Structures are given as C-alpha cells and as structure tokens.
Amino acid sequence: MNVLEAIQGRRATRSYLLKQVSEKSVHQLLDAAVQAPSARNLQPWSFVVIQDKTLLKAISEQAKNMLMRDSHWNRELPLADPEFDIFYGAGTLIVVCAKEEGFSPVGDCYMAGQNLMLAAHGLGLATCPIGLARDVLRSPEMQERLGVPAGEEPVLPIIVGYPAAATPRVARAAPRINAWLR
C-alpha cells in the first residue's frame, strides 16, 4: 500500500477483537512514530505502552468518572454503563508523551502519533486516538504509576488492536482554502 492509500484507508476504529498486539508489532509502530519530523530535531516524544487489562479498565473507569461531571459527555456517551469501555476493548494503549520544553513539542508528538497510526494501518491493525483518557493520564498519581518522568506529560493516547469489523469511511469536506496567493 502506498502512502496515499494508507491515508485514505485509515479509520478511527471503536470495536476490537480480544487478540493482543505482539511486542514486535508495537516496536514497529514506535519505530515508525519516531520517524516523524520535529522542530529543531528535538524529538520531544516518549511513549508508555499499556497492555495490562486491569490497568486499562482502571484508567477507563477513572476517565468515565471524570467525564460524568460534564453534562456534554453524559449526553454523548453511555458513561454510567459499567460495560462501556473508553478503549473499546482494544488490548493496547500507546500514550505519546511530550517534553514540556522546545518549540512545538505537542505538535511534534501529534505527528509521531499520525505516523504510528498509519504504520498500524499498514500492518493490518486498527487505531483510535482517545482524548477522553488524557486528563486521567495527566494526573500526578497516574503519571507516577506509568513512569512518566518529570518534565513530560501525556498528550496523545492511542488504542491499537485488531479490528472486530470494517470501519466505514466517514465523509470529509473538501479542503477549505482561505487563500491561494500567486
């Protein structure tokens, strides 16, 4: 598959099989992630890989409890349902963390995350960024539990796994061009 096919074919998947992603595949994804460009080549990223089902469930529950305080999310998601998992059954969560210094660490980490998601698609894996987990992952207690060093913070949680079914394509608007100056 070429790059344009990967970009057109990648989807945010919200239904996963129980099959776990191999350590080899995770390393391939991380190797792809660190090929992203970064401002001044500072490479401000680090990663936390979570495959512990108990920890994933605990993070999901903590996130749901935080989100239930916001009426917007209560309308959008079944947060009170004990069966609802913000990670949609994926067995792997890769958290991209950013150093809190440099020119554009968060943007650089988002580019690393996009590389990771495109590489996953190329390997037959599915992904979905899960911003709902970000605040829980940023808590001092969770950062300590996950081994995130001082001076870094989780910025992009991405679930990875084997898709349970094909994810349909979502319509995209044509590019909105504000100006084309010649």
C-alpha atoms as a PDB file:
ATOM      1  CA  MET A   1       0.000   0.000   0.000  1.00  0.00           C
ATOM      2  CA  ASN A   2       1.324   3.423  -0.828  1.00  0.00           C
ATOM      3  CA  VAL A   3       1.154   6.418   1.492  1.00  0.00           C
ATOM      4  CA  LEU A   4      -1.943   7.965  -0.107  1.00  0.00           C
ATOM      5  CA  GLU A   5      -3.780   4.633   0.143  1.00  0.00           C
ATOM      6  CA  ALA A   6      -2.826   4.408   3.814  1.00  0.00           C
ATOM      7  CA  ILE A   7      -4.056   7.951   4.481  1.00  0.00           C
ATOM      8  CA  GLN A   8      -7.334   7.306   2.636  1.00  0.00           C
ATOM      9  CA  GLY A   9      -7.846   3.886   4.249  1.00  0.00           C
ATOM     10  CA  ARG A  10      -7.002   4.539   7.903  1.00  0.00           C
ATOM     11  CA  ARG A  11     -10.037   4.842  10.177  1.00  0.00           C
ATOM     12  CA  ALA A  12     -10.687   5.580  13.840  1.00  0.00           C
ATOM     13  CA  THR A  13     -11.872   2.143  14.969  1.00  0.00           C
ATOM     14  CA  ARG A  14     -14.069   1.631  18.023  1.00  0.00           C
ATOM     15  CA  SER A  15     -14.518  -2.154  18.109  1.00  0.00           C
ATOM     16  CA  TYR A  16     -11.673  -4.608  18.697  1.00  0.00           C
ATOM     17  CA  LEU A  17     -11.035  -8.338  18.860  1.00  0.00           C
ATOM     18  CA  LEU A  18      -9.559  -9.830  22.031  1.00  0.00           C
ATOM     19  CA  LYS A  19      -6.330 -10.782  20.189  1.00  0.00           C
ATOM     20  CA  GLN A  20      -3.339  -8.923  21.664  1.00  0.00           C
ATOM     21  CA  VAL A  21      -0.890  -6.922  19.534  1.00  0.00           C
ATOM     22  CA  SER A  22       2.565  -8.520  19.601  1.00  0.00           C
ATOM     23  CA  GLU A  23       5.599  -6.885  21.131  1.00  0.00           C
ATOM     24  CA  LYS A  24       7.256  -6.984  17.694  1.00  0.00           C
ATOM     25  CA  SER A  25       4.356  -5.037  16.164  1.00  0.00           C
ATOM     26  CA  VAL A  26       4.433  -2.467  18.971  1.00  0.00           C
ATOM     27  CA  HIS A  27       8.147  -1.917  18.337  1.00  0.00           C
ATOM     28  CA  GLN A  28       7.438  -1.467  14.611  1.00  0.00           C
ATOM     29  CA  LEU A  29       4.822   1.174  15.445  1.00  0.00           C
ATOM     30  CA  LEU A  30       7.156   3.021  17.795  1.00  0.00           C
ATOM     31  CA  ASP A  31       9.952   2.892  15.212  1.00  0.00           C
ATOM     32  CA  ALA A  32       7.558   4.468  12.682  1.00  0.00           C
ATOM     33  CA  ALA A  33       6.451   7.091  15.213  1.00  0.00           C
ATOM     34  CA  VAL A  34       9.969   8.375  15.842  1.00  0.00           C
ATOM     35  CA  GLN A  35      10.498   8.951  12.111  1.00  0.00           C
ATOM     36  CA  ALA A  36       8.195  11.975  12.387  1.00  0.00           C
ATOM     37  CA  PRO A  37       9.665  15.417  11.838  1.00  0.00           C
ATOM     38  CA  SER A  38      10.217  17.578  14.882  1.00  0.00           C
ATOM     39  CA  ALA A  39      11.067  21.233  15.363  1.00  0.00           C
ATOM     40  CA  ARG A  40      14.836  21.692  15.572  1.00  0.00           C
ATOM     41  CA  ASN A  41      15.036  17.857  15.557  1.00  0.00           C
ATOM     42  CA  LEU A  42      14.430  17.869  19.318  1.00  0.00           C
ATOM     43  CA  GLN A  43      12.373  14.650  19.105  1.00  0.00           C
ATOM     44  CA  PRO A  44      10.374  15.579  22.227  1.00  0.00           C
ATOM     45  CA  TRP A  45       8.439  12.316  22.452  1.00  0.00           C
ATOM     46  CA  SER A  46       8.482   9.309  24.705  1.00  0.00           C
ATOM     47  CA  PHE A  47       5.963   6.513  24.980  1.00  0.00           C
ATOM     48  CA  VAL A  48       4.103   4.427  27.519  1.00  0.00           C
ATOM     49  CA  VAL A  49       2.747   1.100  26.304  1.00  0.00           C
ATOM     50  CA  ILE A  50      -0.061  -0.392  28.385  1.00  0.00           C
ATOM     51  CA  GLN A  51      -1.272  -3.927  27.738  1.00  0.00           C
ATOM     52  CA  ASP A  52      -2.328  -4.738  31.309  1.00  0.00           C
ATOM     53  CA  LYS A  53      -6.107  -5.270  31.106  1.00  0.00           C
ATOM     54  CA  THR A  54      -6.628  -4.410  34.777  1.00  0.00           C
ATOM     55  CA  LEU A  55      -4.824  -1.094  34.371  1.00  0.00           C
ATOM     56  CA  LEU A  56      -6.696  -0.311  31.146  1.00  0.00           C
ATOM     57  CA  LYS A  57     -10.002  -0.935  32.930  1.00  0.00           C
ATOM     58  CA  ALA A  58      -8.942   1.255  35.869  1.00  0.00           C
ATOM     59  CA  ILE A  59      -7.985   4.121  33.536  1.00  0.00           C
ATOM     60  CA  SER A  60     -11.280   3.750  31.660  1.00  0.00           C
ATOM     61  CA  GLU A  61     -13.280   3.850  34.913  1.00  0.00           C
ATOM     62  CA  GLN A  62     -11.391   6.893  36.223  1.00  0.00           C
ATOM     63  CA  ALA A  63     -11.903   8.711  32.920  1.00  0.00           C
ATOM     64  CA  LYS A  64     -15.625   7.885  32.900  1.00  0.00           C
ATOM     65  CA  ASN A  65     -15.962   9.210  36.460  1.00  0.00           C
ATOM     66  CA  MET A  66     -14.233  12.465  35.482  1.00  0.00           C
ATOM     67  CA  LEU A  67     -16.320  12.836  32.335  1.00  0.00           C
ATOM     68  CA  MET A  68     -19.633  12.215  34.151  1.00  0.00           C
ATOM     69  CA  ARG A  69     -19.182  15.603  35.806  1.00  0.00           C
ATOM     70  CA  ASP A  70     -19.663  17.241  32.391  1.00  0.00           C
ATOM     71  CA  SER A  71     -23.226  17.099  31.056  1.00  0.00           C
ATOM     72  CA  HIS A  72     -21.961  17.260  27.466  1.00  0.00           C
ATOM     73  CA  TRP A  73     -20.245  13.891  27.762  1.00  0.00           C
ATOM     74  CA  ASN A  74     -23.197  12.356  29.599  1.00  0.00           C
ATOM     75  CA  ARG A  75     -25.336  13.082  26.542  1.00  0.00           C
ATOM     76  CA  GLU A  76     -22.727  11.807  24.081  1.00  0.00           C
ATOM     77  CA  LEU A  77     -21.535   8.586  25.754  1.00  0.00           C
ATOM     78  CA  PRO A  78     -23.023   5.876  27.997  1.00  0.00           C
ATOM     79  CA  LEU A  79     -20.659   6.774  30.843  1.00  0.00           C
ATOM     80  CA  ALA A  80     -22.859   5.282  33.588  1.00  0.00           C
ATOM     81  CA  ASP A  81     -22.932   1.909  31.833  1.00  0.00           C
ATOM     82  CA  PRO A  82     -20.432  -0.359  33.630  1.00  0.00           C
ATOM     83  CA  GLU A  83     -19.874  -2.240  30.362  1.00  0.00           C
ATOM     84  CA  PHE A  84     -18.821   0.878  28.445  1.00  0.00           C
ATOM     85  CA  ASP A  85     -15.055   0.956  27.933  1.00  0.00           C
ATOM     86  CA  ILE A  86     -13.490   4.156  26.589  1.00  0.00           C
ATOM     87  CA  PHE A  87     -10.848   1.942  24.965  1.00  0.00           C
ATOM     88  CA  TYR A  88     -13.488  -0.103  23.101  1.00  0.00           C
ATOM     89  CA  GLY A  89     -11.930  -3.430  24.047  1.00  0.00           C
ATOM     90  CA  ALA A  90      -8.521  -2.699  22.496  1.00  0.00           C
ATOM     91  CA  GLY A  91      -5.790  -4.547  24.354  1.00  0.00           C
ATOM     92  CA  THR A  92      -3.042  -1.989  23.771  1.00  0.00           C
ATOM     93  CA  LEU A  93      -2.858   1.682  24.660  1.00  0.00           C
ATOM     94  CA  ILE A  94       0.155   3.648  23.475  1.00  0.00           C
ATOM     95  CA  VAL A  95       0.478   7.019  25.159  1.00  0.00           C
ATOM     96  CA  VAL A  96       2.608   9.584  23.374  1.00  0.00           C
ATOM     97  CA  CYS A  97       4.213  11.882  25.933  1.00  0.00           C
ATOM     98  CA  ALA A  98       5.798  15.268  25.240  1.00  0.00           C
ATOM     99  CA  LYS A  99       8.676  17.033  26.905  1.00  0.00           C
ATOM    100  CA  GLU A 100       7.446  20.334  28.280  1.00  0.00           C
ATOM    101  CA  GLU A 101      10.168  22.300  26.509  1.00  0.00           C
ATOM    102  CA  GLY A 102      11.184  23.163  22.994  1.00  0.00           C
ATOM    103  CA  PHE A 103       9.470  24.949  20.134  1.00  0.00           C
ATOM    104  CA  SER A 104       6.499  22.697  19.371  1.00  0.00           C
ATOM    105  CA  PRO A 105       6.580  19.502  21.429  1.00  0.00           C
ATOM    106  CA  VAL A 106       2.843  18.753  21.350  1.00  0.00           C
ATOM    107  CA  GLY A 107       2.597  19.284  17.594  1.00  0.00           C
ATOM    108  CA  ASP A 108       5.665  17.115  17.079  1.00  0.00           C
ATOM    109  CA  CYS A 109       4.109  14.369  19.188  1.00  0.00           C
ATOM    110  CA  TYR A 110       0.891  14.543  17.178  1.00  0.00           C
ATOM    111  CA  MET A 111       2.926  13.973  14.017  1.00  0.00           C
ATOM    112  CA  ALA A 112       4.592  10.974  15.672  1.00  0.00           C
ATOM    113  CA  GLY A 113       1.124   9.693  16.557  1.00  0.00           C
ATOM    114  CA  GLN A 114      -0.032  10.045  12.952  1.00  0.00           C
ATOM    115  CA  ASN A 115       2.992   8.055  11.786  1.00  0.00           C
ATOM    116  CA  LEU A 116       2.135   5.382  14.356  1.00  0.00           C
ATOM    117  CA  MET A 117      -1.498   5.185  13.205  1.00  0.00           C
ATOM    118  CA  LEU A 118      -0.565   4.984   9.523  1.00  0.00           C
ATOM    119  CA  ALA A 119       2.002   2.278  10.260  1.00  0.00           C
ATOM    120  CA  ALA A 120      -0.617   0.344  12.228  1.00  0.00           C
ATOM    121  CA  HIS A 121      -2.978   0.505   9.266  1.00  0.00           C
ATOM    122  CA  GLY A 122      -0.201  -0.824   7.054  1.00  0.00           C
ATOM    123  CA  LEU A 123       0.244  -3.769   9.440  1.00  0.00           C
ATOM    124  CA  GLY A 124      -3.466  -4.602   9.389  1.00  0.00           C
ATOM    125  CA  LEU A 125      -4.058  -3.095  12.827  1.00  0.00           C
ATOM    126  CA  ALA A 126      -6.658  -0.533  13.825  1.00  0.00           C
ATOM    127  CA  THR A 127      -6.206   2.582  15.962  1.00  0.00           C
ATOM    128  CA  CYS A 128      -8.149   5.400  17.531  1.00  0.00           C
ATOM    129  CA  PRO A 129      -6.889   8.434  19.446  1.00  0.00           C
ATOM    130  CA  ILE A 130      -8.654   8.520  22.831  1.00  0.00           C
ATOM    131  CA  GLY A 131      -8.593  12.082  24.103  1.00  0.00           C
ATOM    132  CA  LEU A 132     -11.122  11.085  26.778  1.00  0.00           C
ATOM    133  CA  ALA A 133      -8.262   9.444  28.711  1.00  0.00           C
ATOM    134  CA  ARG A 134      -5.864  12.371  28.562  1.00  0.00           C
ATOM    135  CA  ASP A 135      -6.852  14.135  31.798  1.00  0.00           C
ATOM    136  CA  VAL A 136      -6.650  10.942  33.847  1.00  0.00           C
ATOM    137  CA  LEU A 137      -3.284  10.101  32.309  1.00  0.00           C
ATOM    138  CA  ARG A 138      -2.025  13.592  33.213  1.00  0.00           C
ATOM    139  CA  SER A 139      -2.854  13.274  36.897  1.00  0.00           C
ATOM    140  CA  PRO A 140       0.287  13.203  39.060  1.00  0.00           C
ATOM    141  CA  GLU A 141      -0.726   9.826  40.530  1.00  0.00           C
ATOM    142  CA  MET A 142      -1.174   8.218  37.112  1.00  0.00           C
ATOM    143  CA  GLN A 143       1.980   9.766  35.685  1.00  0.00           C
ATOM    144  CA  GLU A 144       3.918   8.279  38.571  1.00  0.00           C
ATOM    145  CA  ARG A 145       2.219   4.891  38.122  1.00  0.00           C
ATOM    146  CA  LEU A 146       3.053   4.919  34.397  1.00  0.00           C
ATOM    147  CA  GLY A 147       6.652   6.033  34.885  1.00  0.00           C
ATOM    148  CA  VAL A 148       6.256   9.340  33.041  1.00  0.00           C
ATOM    149  CA  PRO A 149       9.275  11.417  34.074  1.00  0.00           C
ATOM    150  CA  ALA A 150       9.023  14.924  35.493  1.00  0.00           C
ATOM    151  CA  GLY A 151       9.034  17.485  32.702  1.00  0.00           C
ATOM    152  CA  GLU A 152       6.941  15.309  30.394  1.00  0.00           C
ATOM    153  CA  GLU A 153       3.193  14.908  30.026  1.00  0.00           C
ATOM    154  CA  PRO A 154       0.862  12.528  28.202  1.00  0.00           C
ATOM    155  CA  VAL A 155      -0.552  14.303  25.138  1.00  0.00           C
ATOM    156  CA  LEU A 156      -1.929  11.624  22.812  1.00  0.00           C
ATOM    157  CA  PRO A 157      -3.379   8.282  23.957  1.00  0.00           C
ATOM    158  CA  ILE A 158      -3.871   5.892  21.008  1.00  0.00           C
ATOM    159  CA  ILE A 159      -5.531   2.494  21.226  1.00  0.00           C
ATOM    160  CA  VAL A 160      -4.204  -0.234  18.952  1.00  0.00           C
ATOM    161  CA  GLY A 161      -5.620  -3.631  18.142  1.00  0.00           C
ATOM    162  CA  TYR A 162      -7.228  -5.932  15.629  1.00  0.00           C
ATOM    163  CA  PRO A 163     -10.495  -4.543  14.280  1.00  0.00           C
ATOM    164  CA  ALA A 164     -13.637  -6.536  15.074  1.00  0.00           C
ATOM    165  CA  ALA A 165     -15.248  -5.292  11.857  1.00  0.00           C
ATOM    166  CA  ALA A 166     -14.534  -2.927   8.993  1.00  0.00           C
ATOM    167  CA  THR A 167     -14.954   0.708   9.957  1.00  0.00           C
ATOM    168  CA  PRO A 168     -16.921   2.607   7.314  1.00  0.00           C
ATOM    169  CA  ARG A 169     -15.440   5.647   5.687  1.00  0.00           C
ATOM    170  CA  VAL A 170     -16.673   8.947   7.077  1.00  0.00           C
ATOM    171  CA  ALA A 171     -17.355  11.691   4.558  1.00  0.00           C
ATOM    172  CA  ARG A 172     -14.839  14.502   4.574  1.00  0.00           C
ATOM    173  CA  ALA A 173     -15.416  18.026   3.368  1.00  0.00           C
ATOM    174  CA  ALA A 174     -13.303  19.325   0.528  1.00  0.00           C
ATOM    175  CA  PRO A 175     -10.247  21.297   1.633  1.00  0.00           C
ATOM    176  CA  ARG A 176     -11.180  24.829   2.661  1.00  0.00           C
ATOM    177  CA  ILE A 177      -8.614  27.158   1.140  1.00  0.00           C
ATOM    178  CA  ASN A 178      -8.546  30.565   2.780  1.00  0.00           C
ATOM    179  CA  ALA A 179      -6.180  32.000   0.210  1.00  0.00           C
ATOM    180  CA  TRP A 180      -4.031  30.920  -2.688  1.00  0.00           C
ATOM    181  CA  LEU A 181      -1.587  33.700  -3.301  1.00  0.00           C
ATOM    182  CA  ARG A 182       0.327  33.724  -6.574  1.00  0.00           C
END
